[in-house]
Structures are given as structure tokens and as C-alpha cells.
PDB file of N, CA and C in Angstrom:
ATOM      1  N   MET A   1      68.847 -10.021   0.463  1.00  0.00           N
ATOM      2  CA  MET A   1      69.428  -9.990   1.565  1.00  0.00           C
ATOM      3  C   MET A   1      70.512 -11.192   1.708  1.00  0.00           C
ATOM      4  N   LYS A   2      71.675 -10.818   2.370  1.00  0.00           N
ATOM      5  CA  LYS A   2      72.278 -11.964   2.774  1.00  0.00           C
ATOM      6  C   LYS A   2      72.135 -12.583   4.240  1.00  0.00           C
ATOM      7  N   THR A   3      72.469 -13.692   4.287  1.00  0.00           N
ATOM      8  CA  THR A   3      72.417 -14.237   5.595  1.00  0.00           C
ATOM      9  C   THR A   3      73.414 -15.504   5.745  1.00  0.00           C
ATOM     10  N   ALA A   4      73.638 -15.813   6.932  1.00  0.00           N
ATOM     11  CA  ALA A   4      74.498 -17.099   7.180  1.00  0.00           C
ATOM     12  C   ALA A   4      73.743 -18.138   7.806  1.00  0.00           C
ATOM     13  N   VAL A   5      73.982 -19.157   7.424  1.00  0.00           N
ATOM     14  CA  VAL A   5      73.134 -20.216   8.003  1.00  0.00           C
ATOM     15  C   VAL A   5      73.829 -21.799   8.059  1.00  0.00           C
ATOM     16  N   SER A   6      73.888 -22.628   8.905  1.00  0.00           N
ATOM     17  CA  SER A   6      74.460 -23.765   9.217  1.00  0.00           C
ATOM     18  C   SER A   6      73.667 -25.103   8.605  1.00  0.00           C
ATOM     19  N   ILE A   7      74.106 -25.746   7.813  1.00  0.00           N
ATOM     20  CA  ILE A   7      73.425 -26.957   6.974  1.00  0.00           C
ATOM     21  C   ILE A   7      74.457 -28.005   7.185  1.00  0.00           C
ATOM     22  N   PRO A   8      73.763 -29.187   6.867  1.00  0.00           N
ATOM     23  CA  PRO A   8      74.822 -30.553   6.904  1.00  0.00           C
ATOM     24  C   PRO A   8      75.439 -30.717   5.663  1.00  0.00           C
ATOM     25  N   ASP A   9      76.563 -31.043   5.734  1.00  0.00           N
ATOM     26  CA  ASP A   9      77.559 -31.173   4.708  1.00  0.00           C
ATOM     27  C   ASP A   9      76.816 -31.993   3.559  1.00  0.00           C
ATOM     28  N   GLU A  10      76.259 -33.039   3.610  1.00  0.00           N
ATOM     29  CA  GLU A  10      75.514 -33.615   2.732  1.00  0.00           C
ATOM     30  C   GLU A  10      74.532 -32.704   1.821  1.00  0.00           C
ATOM     31  N   VAL A  11      73.688 -32.246   2.788  1.00  0.00           N
ATOM     32  CA  VAL A  11      72.694 -31.163   2.102  1.00  0.00           C
ATOM     33  C   VAL A  11      73.376 -30.025   1.314  1.00  0.00           C
ATOM     34  N   PHE A  12      74.504 -29.645   1.648  1.00  0.00           N
ATOM     35  CA  PHE A  12      75.096 -28.336   0.904  1.00  0.00           C
ATOM     36  C   PHE A  12      75.727 -29.077  -0.340  1.00  0.00           C
ATOM     37  N   ALA A  13      76.235 -30.487  -0.218  1.00  0.00           N
ATOM     38  CA  ALA A  13      76.959 -31.001  -1.344  1.00  0.00           C
ATOM     39  C   ALA A  13      75.744 -31.163  -2.391  1.00  0.00           C
ATOM     40  N   ARG A  14      74.349 -31.527  -2.145  1.00  0.00           N
ATOM     41  CA  ARG A  14      73.451 -32.066  -3.009  1.00  0.00           C
ATOM     42  C   ARG A  14      72.822 -30.520  -3.673  1.00  0.00           C
ATOM     43  N   ALA A  15      72.932 -29.602  -2.754  1.00  0.00           N
ATOM     44  CA  ALA A  15      72.511 -28.156  -3.599  1.00  0.00           C
ATOM     45  C   ALA A  15      73.405 -27.802  -4.318  1.00  0.00           C
ATOM     46  N   GLU A  16      74.846 -28.020  -4.084  1.00  0.00           N
ATOM     47  CA  GLU A  16      75.740 -27.753  -5.186  1.00  0.00           C
ATOM     48  C   GLU A  16      75.647 -28.454  -6.382  1.00  0.00           C
ATOM     49  N   ARG A  17      75.197 -29.942  -6.104  1.00  0.00           N
ATOM     50  CA  ARG A  17      75.274 -30.366  -7.521  1.00  0.00           C
ATOM     51  C   ARG A  17      74.129 -30.228  -8.273  1.00  0.00           C
ATOM     52  N   LEU A  18      73.037 -29.709  -7.827  1.00  0.00           N
ATOM     53  CA  LEU A  18      71.638 -29.344  -8.527  1.00  0.00           C
ATOM     54  C   LEU A  18      72.091 -28.023  -8.796  1.00  0.00           C
ATOM     55  N   ALA A  19      72.596 -26.956  -8.317  1.00  0.00           N
ATOM     56  CA  ALA A  19      72.948 -25.804  -8.872  1.00  0.00           C
ATOM     57  C   ALA A  19      73.630 -25.942 -10.157  1.00  0.00           C
ATOM     58  N   ARG A  20      74.588 -26.901 -10.017  1.00  0.00           N
ATOM     59  CA  ARG A  20      75.595 -27.136 -11.088  1.00  0.00           C
ATOM     60  C   ARG A  20      74.485 -27.581 -12.533  1.00  0.00           C
ATOM     61  N   ARG A  21      73.972 -28.668 -11.919  1.00  0.00           N
ATOM     62  CA  ARG A  21      73.027 -29.197 -13.117  1.00  0.00           C
ATOM     63  C   ARG A  21      71.927 -28.376 -13.815  1.00  0.00           C
ATOM     64  N   THR A  22      71.346 -27.820 -12.808  1.00  0.00           N
ATOM     65  CA  THR A  22      70.314 -26.885 -13.550  1.00  0.00           C
ATOM     66  C   THR A  22      70.775 -25.486 -13.882  1.00  0.00           C
ATOM     67  N   ARG A  23      72.027 -25.125 -13.772  1.00  0.00           N
ATOM     68  CA  ARG A  23      73.075 -23.907 -14.196  1.00  0.00           C
ATOM     69  C   ARG A  23      72.294 -22.688 -13.386  1.00  0.00           C
ATOM     70  N   LYS A  24      71.997 -22.991 -12.051  1.00  0.00           N
ATOM     71  CA  LYS A  24      71.540 -21.912 -11.360  1.00  0.00           C
ATOM     72  C   LYS A  24      72.735 -21.696 -10.107  1.00  0.00           C
ATOM     73  N   SER A  25      72.440 -20.366  -9.655  1.00  0.00           N
ATOM     74  CA  SER A  25      73.424 -20.134  -8.445  1.00  0.00           C
ATOM     75  C   SER A  25      73.113 -20.786  -7.217  1.00  0.00           C
ATOM     76  N   ARG A  26      73.852 -21.026  -6.283  1.00  0.00           N
ATOM     77  CA  ARG A  26      73.493 -21.710  -5.104  1.00  0.00           C
ATOM     78  C   ARG A  26      72.207 -20.915  -4.429  1.00  0.00           C
ATOM     79  N   SER A  27      72.559 -19.475  -4.422  1.00  0.00           N
ATOM     80  CA  SER A  27      71.313 -18.810  -3.635  1.00  0.00           C
ATOM     81  C   SER A  27      70.306 -18.982  -4.704  1.00  0.00           C
ATOM     82  N   GLN A  28      70.041 -19.137  -5.699  1.00  0.00           N
ATOM     83  CA  GLN A  28      68.951 -19.339  -6.458  1.00  0.00           C
ATOM     84  C   GLN A  28      68.352 -20.752  -6.108  1.00  0.00           C
ATOM     85  N   VAL A  29      68.880 -21.656  -5.960  1.00  0.00           N
ATOM     86  CA  VAL A  29      68.620 -22.947  -5.407  1.00  0.00           C
ATOM     87  C   VAL A  29      68.076 -22.996  -3.958  1.00  0.00           C
ATOM     88  N   PHE A  30      68.951 -22.319  -3.114  1.00  0.00           N
ATOM     89  CA  PHE A  30      68.431 -21.999  -1.568  1.00  0.00           C
ATOM     90  C   PHE A  30      67.067 -21.260  -1.615  1.00  0.00           C
ATOM     91  N   SER A  31      67.106 -20.245  -2.267  1.00  0.00           N
ATOM     92  CA  SER A  31      66.031 -19.239  -2.245  1.00  0.00           C
ATOM     93  C   SER A  31      64.553 -20.059  -2.585  1.00  0.00           C
ATOM     94  N   SER A  32      64.922 -21.127  -3.719  1.00  0.00           N
ATOM     95  CA  SER A  32      63.635 -21.275  -4.434  1.00  0.00           C
ATOM     96  C   SER A  32      63.156 -22.583  -3.262  1.00  0.00           C
ATOM     97  N   ALA A  33      64.051 -23.134  -2.850  1.00  0.00           N
ATOM     98  CA  ALA A  33      64.036 -24.332  -1.783  1.00  0.00           C
ATOM     99  C   ALA A  33      63.289 -23.724  -0.518  1.00  0.00           C
ATOM    100  N   LEU A  34      63.655 -22.838  -0.176  1.00  0.00           N
ATOM    101  CA  LEU A  34      62.987 -22.052   1.215  1.00  0.00           C
ATOM    102  C   LEU A  34      61.695 -21.656   0.821  1.00  0.00           C
ATOM    103  N   ARG A  35      61.579 -21.236  -0.370  1.00  0.00           N
ATOM    104  CA  ARG A  35      60.076 -20.496  -0.930  1.00  0.00           C
ATOM    105  C   ARG A  35      59.328 -21.553  -0.847  1.00  0.00           C
ATOM    106  N   GLU A  36      59.574 -22.706  -1.483  1.00  0.00           N
ATOM    107  CA  GLU A  36      58.590 -24.032  -1.641  1.00  0.00           C
ATOM    108  C   GLU A  36      58.438 -24.430  -0.108  1.00  0.00           C
ATOM    109  N   TYR A  37      59.203 -24.458   0.840  1.00  0.00           N
ATOM    110  CA  TYR A  37      59.065 -25.099   2.114  1.00  0.00           C
ATOM    111  C   TYR A  37      58.088 -24.284   2.493  1.00  0.00           C
ATOM    112  N   LEU A  38      58.294 -22.748   2.489  1.00  0.00           N
ATOM    113  CA  LEU A  38      57.336 -21.806   3.433  1.00  0.00           C
ATOM    114  C   LEU A  38      55.901 -22.126   2.788  1.00  0.00           C
ATOM    115  N   ALA A  39      55.874 -22.446   1.459  1.00  0.00           N
ATOM    116  CA  ALA A  39      54.551 -22.413   0.933  1.00  0.00           C
ATOM    117  C   ALA A  39      53.811 -23.666   1.402  1.00  0.00           C
ATOM    118  N   ARG A  40      54.569 -24.717   1.448  1.00  0.00           N
ATOM    119  CA  ARG A  40      54.233 -26.009   2.091  1.00  0.00           C
ATOM    120  C   ARG A  40      53.786 -25.719   3.521  1.00  0.00           C
ATOM    121  N   HIS A  41      54.098 -25.189   4.301  1.00  0.00           N
ATOM    122  CA  HIS A  41      53.704 -24.718   5.639  1.00  0.00           C
ATOM    123  C   HIS A  41      53.110 -23.525   6.160  1.00  0.00           C
ATOM    124  N   ALA A  42      52.478 -23.296   5.117  1.00  0.00           N
ATOM    125  CA  ALA A  42      51.291 -22.091   5.430  1.00  0.00           C
ATOM    126  C   ALA A  42      49.936 -22.233   4.730  1.00  0.00           C
ATOM    127  N   PRO A  43      49.448 -23.223   5.218  1.00  0.00           N
ATOM    128  CA  PRO A  43      48.131 -23.839   5.055  1.00  0.00           C
ATOM    129  C   PRO A  43      47.159 -22.673   4.618  1.00  0.00           C
ATOM    130  N   ASP A  44      47.139 -21.691   5.777  1.00  0.00           N
ATOM    131  CA  ASP A  44      46.177 -20.396   5.771  1.00  0.00           C
ATOM    132  C   ASP A  44      46.340 -19.665   4.561  1.00  0.00           C
ATOM    133  N   GLU A  45      47.456 -19.446   3.785  1.00  0.00           N
ATOM    134  CA  GLU A  45      47.712 -18.718   2.615  1.00  0.00           C
ATOM    135  C   GLU A  45      47.388 -19.558   1.385  1.00  0.00           C
ATOM    136  N   VAL A  46      47.496 -21.192   1.294  1.00  0.00           N
ATOM    137  CA  VAL A  46      47.036 -21.652   0.353  1.00  0.00           C
ATOM    138  C   VAL A  46      45.276 -21.364   0.466  1.00  0.00           C
ATOM    139  N   THR A  47      44.753 -21.759   1.555  1.00  0.00           N
ATOM    140  CA  THR A  47      43.385 -21.670   1.549  1.00  0.00           C
ATOM    141  C   THR A  47      42.850 -20.035   1.195  1.00  0.00           C
ATOM    142  N   GLU A  48      43.622 -19.166   1.398  1.00  0.00           N
ATOM    143  CA  GLU A  48      43.373 -17.818   1.017  1.00  0.00           C
ATOM    144  C   GLU A  48      43.297 -17.574  -0.385  1.00  0.00           C
ATOM    145  N   ALA A  49      44.500 -18.231  -1.083  1.00  0.00           N
ATOM    146  CA  ALA A  49      44.619 -18.208  -2.605  1.00  0.00           C
ATOM    147  C   ALA A  49      43.456 -18.915  -3.176  1.00  0.00           C
ATOM    148  N   MET A  50      43.258 -20.355  -2.626  1.00  0.00           N
ATOM    149  CA  MET A  50      41.947 -20.896  -3.390  1.00  0.00           C
ATOM    150  C   MET A  50      40.860 -20.173  -3.184  1.00  0.00           C
ATOM    151  N   ASP A  51      40.691 -19.508  -1.903  1.00  0.00           N
ATOM    152  CA  ASP A  51      39.422 -18.603  -1.813  1.00  0.00           C
ATOM    153  C   ASP A  51      39.455 -17.549  -3.062  1.00  0.00           C
ATOM    154  N   ARG A  52      40.440 -16.923  -3.135  1.00  0.00           N
ATOM    155  CA  ARG A  52      40.320 -16.055  -4.077  1.00  0.00           C
ATOM    156  C   ARG A  52      40.155 -16.240  -5.631  1.00  0.00           C
ATOM    157  N   VAL A  53      40.632 -17.452  -5.862  1.00  0.00           N
ATOM    158  CA  VAL A  53      40.229 -18.032  -7.203  1.00  0.00           C
ATOM    159  C   VAL A  53      38.925 -18.309  -7.434  1.00  0.00           C
ATOM    160  N   CYS A  54      38.374 -19.102  -6.287  1.00  0.00           N
ATOM    161  CA  CYS A  54      36.790 -19.336  -6.339  1.00  0.00           C
ATOM    162  C   CYS A  54      36.176 -17.956  -6.554  1.00  0.00           C
ATOM    163  N   ALA A  55      36.384 -17.043  -5.836  1.00  0.00           N
ATOM    164  CA  ALA A  55      35.442 -15.635  -5.942  1.00  0.00           C
ATOM    165  C   ALA A  55      35.961 -15.101  -7.563  1.00  0.00           C
ATOM    166  N   GLU A  56      36.841 -15.284  -8.039  1.00  0.00           N
ATOM    167  CA  GLU A  56      37.040 -14.851  -9.265  1.00  0.00           C
ATOM    168  C   GLU A  56      36.302 -15.668 -10.478  1.00  0.00           C
ATOM    169  N   VAL A  57      36.412 -16.862 -10.276  1.00  0.00           N
ATOM    170  CA  VAL A  57      35.621 -17.758 -11.068  1.00  0.00           C
ATOM    171  C   VAL A  57      34.013 -17.678 -11.028  1.00  0.00           C
ATOM    172  N   GLY A  58      33.618 -17.537  -9.629  1.00  0.00           N
ATOM    173  CA  GLY A  58      32.339 -17.432  -9.519  1.00  0.00           C
ATOM    174  C   GLY A  58      31.800 -18.833  -9.303  1.00  0.00           C
ATOM    175  N   ASP A  59      30.298 -18.511  -9.138  1.00  0.00           N
ATOM    176  CA  ASP A  59      29.532 -20.098  -8.826  1.00  0.00           C
ATOM    177  C   ASP A  59      28.817 -20.202 -10.230  1.00  0.00           C
ATOM    178  N   GLN A  60      29.490 -20.633 -11.145  1.00  0.00           N
ATOM    179  CA  GLN A  60      29.114 -20.844 -12.470  1.00  0.00           C
ATOM    180  C   GLN A  60      28.679 -22.512 -12.444  1.00  0.00           C
ATOM    181  N   HIS A  61      27.460 -22.954 -12.889  1.00  0.00           N
ATOM    182  CA  HIS A  61      27.233 -24.210 -12.841  1.00  0.00           C
ATOM    183  C   HIS A  61      27.167 -24.575 -14.141  1.00  0.00           C
ATOM    184  N   ASP A  62      28.183 -25.803 -14.400  1.00  0.00           N
ATOM    185  CA  ASP A  62      28.437 -26.316 -15.755  1.00  0.00           C
ATOM    186  C   ASP A  62      27.802 -27.577 -15.691  1.00  0.00           C
ATOM    187  N   PRO A  63      26.461 -27.819 -16.539  1.00  0.00           N
ATOM    188  CA  PRO A  63      25.804 -29.251 -16.408  1.00  0.00           C
ATOM    189  C   PRO A  63      26.877 -30.409 -16.914  1.00  0.00           C
ATOM    190  N   PHE A  64      27.680 -30.259 -17.869  1.00  0.00           N
ATOM    191  CA  PHE A  64      28.524 -31.064 -18.116  1.00  0.00           C
ATOM    192  C   PHE A  64      29.517 -31.273 -16.915  1.00  0.00           C
ATOM    193  N   VAL A  65      30.226 -30.521 -16.277  1.00  0.00           N
ATOM    194  CA  VAL A  65      31.101 -30.763 -15.415  1.00  0.00           C
ATOM    195  C   VAL A  65      30.242 -31.403 -14.242  1.00  0.00           C
ATOM    196  N   ALA A  66      29.387 -31.207 -13.903  1.00  0.00           N
ATOM    197  CA  ALA A  66      28.641 -31.662 -12.704  1.00  0.00           C
ATOM    198  C   ALA A  66      28.299 -33.042 -13.131  1.00  0.00           C
ATOM    199  N   ALA A  67      27.644 -33.560 -14.271  1.00  0.00           N
ATOM    200  CA  ALA A  67      27.692 -34.817 -14.519  1.00  0.00           C
ATOM    201  C   ALA A  67      28.721 -35.619 -14.705  1.00  0.00           C
ATOM    202  N   ALA A  68      29.811 -34.982 -15.215  1.00  0.00           N
ATOM    203  CA  ALA A  68      31.106 -35.844 -15.193  1.00  0.00           C
ATOM    204  C   ALA A  68      31.385 -36.156 -13.794  1.00  0.00           C
ATOM    205  N   ALA A  69      31.328 -35.194 -12.771  1.00  0.00           N
ATOM    206  CA  ALA A  69      32.152 -35.223 -11.556  1.00  0.00           C
ATOM    207  C   ALA A  69      31.150 -36.314 -10.788  1.00  0.00           C
ATOM    208  N   ARG A  70      29.679 -36.070 -11.056  1.00  0.00           N
ATOM    209  CA  ARG A  70      28.837 -37.493 -10.746  1.00  0.00           C
ATOM    210  C   ARG A  70      29.219 -38.602 -10.801  1.00  0.00           C
ATOM    211  N   ARG A  71      29.502 -38.646 -12.201  1.00  0.00           N
ATOM    212  CA  ARG A  71      30.030 -40.299 -12.917  1.00  0.00           C
ATOM    213  C   ARG A  71      31.444 -40.740 -11.935  1.00  0.00           C
ATOM    214  N   ALA A  72      32.447 -39.746 -11.864  1.00  0.00           N
ATOM    215  CA  ALA A  72      33.808 -40.103 -11.278  1.00  0.00           C
ATOM    216  C   ALA A  72      33.482 -40.420  -9.801  1.00  0.00           C
ATOM    217  N   LEU A  73      32.629 -39.753  -9.105  1.00  0.00           N
ATOM    218  CA  LEU A  73      32.251 -40.117  -7.522  1.00  0.00           C
ATOM    219  C   LEU A  73      31.632 -41.171  -7.752  1.00  0.00           C
ATOM    220  N   GLU A  74      30.481 -41.819  -8.391  1.00  0.00           N
ATOM    221  CA  GLU A  74      29.943 -43.043  -8.129  1.00  0.00           C
ATOM    222  C   GLU A  74      30.710 -44.049  -8.547  1.00  0.00           C
ATOM    223  N   ARG A  75      31.741 -43.903  -9.498  1.00  0.00           N
ATOM    224  CA  ARG A  75      32.895 -45.093  -9.733  1.00  0.00           C
ATOM    225  C   ARG A  75      34.026 -45.182  -8.591  1.00  0.00           C
ATOM    226  N   SER A  76      33.983 -44.316  -7.771  1.00  0.00           N
ATOM    227  CA  SER A  76      34.953 -44.309  -6.483  1.00  0.00           C
ATOM    228  C   SER A  76      34.696 -44.783  -5.258  1.00  0.00           C
ATOM    229  N   GLU A  77      35.422 -45.541  -4.653  1.00  0.00           N
ATOM    230  CA  GLU A  77      35.056 -46.293  -3.453  1.00  0.00           C
ATOM    231  C   GLU A  77      35.098 -45.521  -2.139  1.00  0.00           C
ATOM    232  N   TRP A  78      34.045 -45.241  -1.359  1.00  0.00           N
ATOM    233  CA  TRP A  78      34.209 -44.151  -0.454  1.00  0.00           C
ATOM    234  C   TRP A  78      34.333 -45.005   0.779  1.00  0.00           C
TER     235      TRP A  78
END
């Protein structure tokens, strides 16, 4: 989809430099930036994704992992 937006000249210039350096189109740079911004500002989507991963992994108890976590927490200052 094509759209027109207004952005500060400095932001545009930095995006242009990034596009040249990474050999991507300006559209790819802006698309990636917007995708990342949206992901950061959608905490519910992150929580849902983590819930899906946890559901797939299941409730497996690994004694080694539990002991390692316990040792790490004991060394941490709360």
C-alpha cells in the first residue's frame, strides 16, 4: 500500500543513509521501522505470543534448570 507521510528532514536523511548502507529500499527501511514500533507498543500481542509459546512448551519440570535458576536467584540482590 502506498501512503504519504510528513517526517522531519533529519529523520528522512538518516533513513536515506541507513537504506544506502544496508542496501535496502527506503520503503523497506520505513516498513521495518514501523513494524518494530508497532511491536513495541502492543504489549498485549507480546503477552499473547508468550502465552502461545508457553502453551506449546508445556509445563515441563527440569531439575537442572530449576536448580540453576535457584542458584542465580540466590546470588541476585532483591
